[in-house]
C-alpha atoms as a PDB file:
ATOM      1  CA  UNK A   1      15.482 -27.148  65.980  1.00  0.00           C
ATOM      2  CA  UNK A   2      17.976 -26.660  63.224  1.00  0.00           C
ATOM      3  CA  UNK A   3      17.058 -29.920  61.597  1.00  0.00           C
ATOM      4  CA  UNK A   4      13.387 -28.994  61.655  1.00  0.00           C
ATOM      5  CA  UNK A   5      14.006 -25.596  60.028  1.00  0.00           C
ATOM      6  CA  UNK A   6      16.102 -27.142  57.279  1.00  0.00           C
ATOM      7  CA  UNK A   7      13.436 -29.731  56.613  1.00  0.00           C
ATOM      8  CA  UNK A   8      10.831 -26.996  56.237  1.00  0.00           C
ATOM      9  CA  UNK A   9      13.006 -25.073  53.782  1.00  0.00           C
ATOM     10  CA  UNK A  10      13.687 -28.215  51.776  1.00  0.00           C
ATOM     11  CA  UNK A  11       9.981 -29.039  51.670  1.00  0.00           C
ATOM     12  CA  UNK A  12       9.098 -25.538  50.472  1.00  0.00           C
ATOM     13  CA  UNK A  13      11.752 -25.673  47.768  1.00  0.00           C
ATOM     14  CA  UNK A  14      10.212 -28.787  46.271  1.00  0.00           C
ATOM     15  CA  UNK A  15       6.912 -26.961  45.745  1.00  0.00           C
ATOM     16  CA  UNK A  16       8.469 -24.113  43.766  1.00  0.00           C
ATOM     17  CA  UNK A  17       6.939 -23.583  40.360  1.00  0.00           C
ATOM     18  CA  UNK A  18       8.943 -24.929  37.460  1.00  0.00           C
ATOM     19  CA  UNK A  19      10.112 -22.428  34.851  1.00  0.00           C
ATOM     20  CA  UNK A  20       7.760 -22.137  31.873  1.00  0.00           C
ATOM     21  CA  UNK A  21       9.300 -22.738  28.544  1.00  0.00           C
ATOM     22  CA  UNK A  22       8.531 -20.017  25.995  1.00  0.00           C
ATOM     23  CA  UNK A  23       5.912 -20.784  23.401  1.00  0.00           C
ATOM     24  CA  UNK A  24       7.693 -21.245  20.124  1.00  0.00           C
ATOM     25  CA  UNK A  25       4.608 -21.493  17.939  1.00  0.00           C
ATOM     26  CA  UNK A  26       3.271 -18.010  18.740  1.00  0.00           C
ATOM     27  CA  UNK A  27       6.169 -15.727  17.939  1.00  0.00           C
ATOM     28  CA  UNK A  28       5.360 -12.296  16.659  1.00  0.00           C
ATOM     29  CA  UNK A  29       7.329 -10.939  13.755  1.00  0.00           C
ATOM     30  CA  UNK A  30      10.214  -8.674  14.587  1.00  0.00           C
ATOM     31  CA  UNK A  31       9.430  -4.978  14.650  1.00  0.00           C
ATOM     32  CA  UNK A  32      10.972  -3.530  11.513  1.00  0.00           C
ATOM     33  CA  UNK A  33      12.741  -0.223  11.256  1.00  0.00           C
ATOM     34  CA  UNK A  34      10.426   2.749  11.043  1.00  0.00           C
ATOM     35  CA  UNK A  35       8.777   3.058   7.648  1.00  0.00           C
ATOM     36  CA  UNK A  36       8.900   6.258   5.650  1.00  0.00           C
ATOM     37  CA  UNK A  37       6.232   8.849   6.423  1.00  0.00           C
ATOM     38  CA  UNK A  38       4.751   8.312   2.942  1.00  0.00           C
ATOM     39  CA  UNK A  39       4.292   4.584   3.588  1.00  0.00           C
ATOM     40  CA  UNK A  40       2.641   5.221   6.945  1.00  0.00           C
ATOM     41  CA  UNK A  41       0.417   7.905   5.421  1.00  0.00           C
ATOM     42  CA  UNK A  42      -0.676   5.524   2.651  1.00  0.00           C
ATOM     43  CA  UNK A  43      -1.579   2.782   5.127  1.00  0.00           C
ATOM     44  CA  UNK A  44      -3.463   5.240   7.343  1.00  0.00           C
ATOM     45  CA  UNK A  45      -5.411   6.510   4.319  1.00  0.00           C
ATOM     46  CA  UNK A  46      -6.330   2.917   3.474  1.00  0.00           C
ATOM     47  CA  UNK A  47      -7.421   2.298   7.080  1.00  0.00           C
ATOM     48  CA  UNK A  48      -9.538   5.456   6.932  1.00  0.00           C
ATOM     49  CA  UNK A  49     -11.236   4.209   3.750  1.00  0.00           C
ATOM     50  CA  UNK A  50     -12.048   0.862   5.399  1.00  0.00           C
ATOM     51  CA  UNK A  51     -13.466   2.623   8.465  1.00  0.00           C
ATOM     52  CA  UNK A  52     -15.464   5.084   6.336  1.00  0.00           C
ATOM     53  CA  UNK A  53     -17.037   2.216   4.368  1.00  0.00           C
ATOM     54  CA  UNK A  54     -18.716   0.901   7.521  1.00  0.00           C
ATOM     55  CA  UNK A  55     -21.498   3.147   8.880  1.00  0.00           C
ATOM     56  CA  UNK A  56     -21.079   1.857  12.451  1.00  0.00           C
ATOM     57  CA  UNK A  57     -17.282   1.854  12.326  1.00  0.00           C
ATOM     58  CA  UNK A  58     -14.971  -1.131  12.537  1.00  0.00           C
ATOM     59  CA  UNK A  59     -13.882  -3.000  15.628  1.00  0.00           C
ATOM     60  CA  UNK A  60     -10.085  -3.099  15.959  1.00  0.00           C
ATOM     61  CA  UNK A  61     -10.254  -6.889  16.272  1.00  0.00           C
ATOM     62  CA  UNK A  62     -11.662  -7.306  12.765  1.00  0.00           C
ATOM     63  CA  UNK A  63      -9.898  -4.338  11.175  1.00  0.00           C
ATOM     64  CA  UNK A  64      -6.903  -6.355   9.876  1.00  0.00           C
ATOM     65  CA  UNK A  65      -9.212  -8.835   8.096  1.00  0.00           C
ATOM     66  CA  UNK A  66     -11.366  -6.083   6.588  1.00  0.00           C
ATOM     67  CA  UNK A  67      -8.235  -4.187   5.514  1.00  0.00           C
ATOM     68  CA  UNK A  68      -6.819  -7.278   3.800  1.00  0.00           C
ATOM     69  CA  UNK A  69     -10.126  -7.950   2.051  1.00  0.00           C
ATOM     70  CA  UNK A  70     -10.428  -4.367   0.828  1.00  0.00           C
ATOM     71  CA  UNK A  71      -6.818  -3.725  -0.182  1.00  0.00           C
ATOM     72  CA  UNK A  72      -5.399  -7.163  -0.931  1.00  0.00           C
ATOM     73  CA  UNK A  73      -2.499  -6.721   1.485  1.00  0.00           C
ATOM     74  CA  UNK A  74      -2.233  -7.463   5.197  1.00  0.00           C
ATOM     75  CA  UNK A  75      -2.383  -4.673   7.751  1.00  0.00           C
ATOM     76  CA  UNK A  76       0.978  -5.284   9.411  1.00  0.00           C
ATOM     77  CA  UNK A  77       1.892  -2.549  11.907  1.00  0.00           C
ATOM     78  CA  UNK A  78       5.088  -4.385  12.930  1.00  0.00           C
ATOM     79  CA  UNK A  79       6.320  -4.184   9.329  1.00  0.00           C
ATOM     80  CA  UNK A  80       5.901  -0.400   9.522  1.00  0.00           C
ATOM     81  CA  UNK A  81       7.877  -0.115  12.755  1.00  0.00           C
ATOM     82  CA  UNK A  82       5.014  -0.135  15.277  1.00  0.00           C
ATOM     83  CA  UNK A  83       4.835  -2.616  18.150  1.00  0.00           C
ATOM     84  CA  UNK A  84       1.062  -2.958  17.971  1.00  0.00           C
ATOM     85  CA  UNK A  85      -1.911  -1.917  15.906  1.00  0.00           C
ATOM     86  CA  UNK A  86      -3.068   0.574  18.548  1.00  0.00           C
ATOM     87  CA  UNK A  87       0.135   2.580  18.147  1.00  0.00           C
ATOM     88  CA  UNK A  88      -0.512   2.965  14.419  1.00  0.00           C
ATOM     89  CA  UNK A  89      -4.170   3.846  14.985  1.00  0.00           C
ATOM     90  CA  UNK A  90      -3.243   6.565  17.510  1.00  0.00           C
ATOM     91  CA  UNK A  91      -1.315   8.371  14.780  1.00  0.00           C
ATOM     92  CA  UNK A  92      -4.294   8.196  12.429  1.00  0.00           C
ATOM     93  CA  UNK A  93      -6.559   9.529  15.149  1.00  0.00           C
ATOM     94  CA  UNK A  94      -4.131  12.362  15.949  1.00  0.00           C
ATOM     95  CA  UNK A  95      -4.167  13.340  12.266  1.00  0.00           C
ATOM     96  CA  UNK A  96      -7.974  13.402  12.266  1.00  0.00           C
ATOM     97  CA  UNK A  97      -8.403  10.533   9.808  1.00  0.00           C
ATOM     98  CA  UNK A  98     -10.701   8.522  12.096  1.00  0.00           C
ATOM     99  CA  UNK A  99     -11.751   8.206  15.721  1.00  0.00           C
ATOM    100  CA  UNK A 100     -10.817   5.356  18.036  1.00  0.00           C
ATOM    101  CA  UNK A 101     -12.795   4.403  21.126  1.00  0.00           C
END
């Protein structure tokens, strides 16, 4: 019986999933130190102007492209110290600049 149990364990071990290597071509930029409140306020005001220019609002997926087209600079929340765009937009919503859904 011992030999049979060992054989089963060995057989199961061979079907273990191999470790995935990390994707090196899709690295996100490092989150920078928190930007000054004036810098964040300026970016949020620019976001509010982009949102106000569209009568039906702007989808968050296309907001970075519309922001870059309108202001000539990328909307880069990680450069301002935020992990993701939603974190930056929550601050703008809390300040009453625009509404997120």
